[in-house]
Amino acid sequence: FYVQTTTVSTVVFAFAAVFLVTLSGIKVIDDATDYDYDRSIGKRTVAVVLGPDHARTTAYVLMAAGMVTVTVLGLVGVFPRGAVVAPVVFGAVAALTRRATPTRSTELLVRGSYLFLAVLVAVVWFRPLS
């Protein structure tokens, strides 16, 4: 964005921050797929350091923080008010993954993040509820 416009708007920064936090949560889930191997070679992933259960909790806290951030940004006017719909879409997918294996959770959460992005971009671009 910066290369094309030579600026970074508040909305672009907000998108970046939300996706940094949300995708970090998904990455923690993904790293848990290699927990045994990573532990055997001394690799310090979140799952190895915190243990699989605490890592999973940390991952969902990160993803929830991303969703809460979108909601707050929608309510204060950085994103259009309709942005509050995007976390609902991602939340529905995330709820399906709570008891799934790390591999299945990663697959679903990545797809859920695409849906979340699509809804958020559509709301910011078209402002349907404004």
Protein backbone atom coordinates (compact mmCIF):
# COMPACT_ATOMS: atom_id res chain seq x y z
CA PHE A 1 0.00 0.00 0.00
CA TYR A 2 2.75 2.42 0.97
CA VAL A 3 4.69 1.86 -2.25
CA GLN A 4 1.64 2.73 -4.32
CA THR A 5 0.38 5.65 -2.24
CA THR A 6 3.41 6.81 -0.20
CA THR A 7 1.13 6.95 2.87
CA VAL A 8 -0.24 4.56 5.44
CA SER A 9 -3.80 5.37 6.38
CA THR A 10 -5.40 4.52 9.69
CA VAL A 11 -7.59 1.90 8.00
CA VAL A 12 -4.58 0.18 6.41
CA PHE A 13 -2.72 0.19 9.73
CA ALA A 14 -5.84 -1.20 11.42
CA PHE A 15 -6.11 -4.03 8.86
CA ALA A 16 -2.43 -4.86 9.39
CA ALA A 17 -2.70 -4.89 13.17
CA VAL A 18 -5.86 -7.03 13.17
CA PHE A 19 -4.37 -9.58 10.82
CA LEU A 20 -1.03 -9.68 12.64
CA VAL A 21 -2.78 -10.64 15.87
CA THR A 22 -5.36 -12.97 14.32
CA LEU A 23 -2.93 -14.82 12.07
CA SER A 24 -0.47 -15.14 14.95
CA GLY A 25 -3.15 -17.07 16.80
CA ILE A 26 -3.68 -19.34 13.81
CA LYS A 27 0.10 -19.87 13.56
CA VAL A 28 0.23 -20.99 17.19
CA ILE A 29 -2.41 -23.63 16.38
CA ASP A 30 -0.46 -24.64 13.29
CA ASP A 31 2.79 -25.01 15.23
CA ALA A 32 1.07 -27.47 17.55
CA THR A 33 0.84 -29.92 14.63
CA ASP A 34 4.59 -30.51 15.00
CA TYR A 35 4.67 -30.45 18.81
CA ASP A 36 6.35 -33.84 19.35
CA TYR A 37 9.00 -33.29 16.70
CA ASP A 38 9.69 -29.68 17.72
CA ARG A 39 10.04 -30.76 21.34
CA SER A 40 12.42 -33.59 20.39
CA ILE A 41 14.79 -31.19 18.61
CA GLY A 42 14.55 -28.44 21.20
CA LYS A 43 12.67 -26.01 18.96
CA ARG A 44 11.00 -23.36 21.09
CA THR A 45 7.56 -22.87 19.60
CA VAL A 46 4.69 -21.53 21.69
CA ALA A 47 3.33 -25.08 22.00
CA VAL A 48 6.67 -26.41 23.26
CA VAL A 49 7.23 -23.55 25.69
CA LEU A 50 3.68 -23.36 27.10
CA GLY A 51 2.50 -26.90 26.48
CA PRO A 52 -0.21 -27.82 23.97
CA ASP A 53 -3.19 -26.88 26.15
CA HIS A 54 -1.89 -23.47 27.20
CA ALA A 55 -0.70 -22.77 23.65
CA ARG A 56 -4.18 -23.48 22.32
CA THR A 57 -5.69 -21.13 24.90
CA THR A 58 -3.13 -18.46 23.94
CA ALA A 59 -4.02 -18.93 20.26
CA TYR A 60 -7.72 -18.41 20.87
CA VAL A 61 -7.00 -15.37 23.05
CA LEU A 62 -4.99 -13.86 20.17
CA MET A 63 -7.73 -14.58 17.66
CA ALA A 64 -10.38 -13.19 20.01
CA ALA A 65 -8.26 -10.07 20.51
CA GLY A 66 -8.23 -9.56 16.74
CA MET A 67 -12.00 -9.92 16.59
CA VAL A 68 -12.57 -7.57 19.53
CA THR A 69 -10.26 -5.04 17.89
CA VAL A 70 -12.33 -5.10 14.70
CA THR A 71 -15.50 -4.62 16.70
CA VAL A 72 -14.04 -1.68 18.64
CA LEU A 73 -12.65 -0.11 15.46
CA GLY A 74 -16.08 -0.48 13.87
CA LEU A 75 -17.78 1.17 16.82
CA VAL A 76 -15.34 4.11 17.00
CA GLY A 77 -15.43 4.78 13.25
CA VAL A 78 -12.06 3.56 11.99
CA PHE A 79 -13.93 0.80 10.15
CA PRO A 80 -17.57 1.25 9.13
CA ARG A 81 -20.08 0.05 11.72
CA GLY A 82 -20.87 -2.95 9.54
CA ALA A 83 -17.41 -4.30 10.31
CA VAL A 84 -18.88 -5.88 13.43
CA VAL A 85 -20.28 -8.60 11.15
CA ALA A 86 -16.81 -9.87 10.15
CA PRO A 87 -15.87 -11.20 13.62
CA VAL A 88 -19.15 -13.11 13.74
CA VAL A 89 -18.15 -14.97 10.56
CA PHE A 90 -14.70 -15.83 11.91
CA GLY A 91 -16.09 -16.64 15.35
CA ALA A 92 -18.46 -19.21 13.88
CA VAL A 93 -15.56 -20.98 12.18
CA ALA A 94 -13.34 -20.73 15.26
CA ALA A 95 -16.08 -22.23 17.42
CA LEU A 96 -16.09 -25.30 15.18
CA THR A 97 -12.37 -25.83 15.79
CA ARG A 98 -12.29 -25.80 19.60
CA ARG A 99 -12.18 -29.59 19.89
CA ALA A 100 -10.58 -30.40 16.54
CA THR A 101 -7.03 -31.61 16.06
CA PRO A 102 -4.37 -28.97 15.40
CA THR A 103 -4.23 -30.00 11.74
CA ARG A 104 -7.99 -29.76 11.20
CA SER A 105 -8.15 -26.55 13.25
CA THR A 106 -5.45 -24.95 11.10
CA GLU A 107 -7.25 -25.94 7.90
CA LEU A 108 -10.54 -24.47 9.09
CA LEU A 109 -9.07 -21.35 10.69
CA VAL A 110 -7.12 -20.42 7.56
CA ARG A 111 -10.28 -20.73 5.51
CA GLY A 112 -12.16 -18.80 8.18
CA SER A 113 -9.57 -16.03 7.97
CA TYR A 114 -10.26 -15.74 4.23
CA LEU A 115 -13.98 -15.40 4.92
CA PHE A 116 -13.24 -12.85 7.64
CA LEU A 117 -11.03 -10.84 5.27
CA ALA A 118 -13.60 -11.00 2.48
CA VAL A 119 -16.39 -9.73 4.73
CA LEU A 120 -14.21 -7.01 6.27
CA VAL A 121 -12.95 -5.77 2.89
CA ALA A 122 -16.48 -5.79 1.46
CA VAL A 123 -17.80 -3.81 4.41
CA VAL A 124 -14.95 -1.28 4.25
CA TRP A 125 -15.16 -0.98 0.47
CA PHE A 126 -18.93 -0.89 -0.06
CA ARG A 127 -20.13 0.33 3.39
CA PRO A 128 -23.44 -1.56 3.07
CA LEU A 129 -24.67 -0.79 6.59
CA SER A 130 -23.61 2.85 6.73
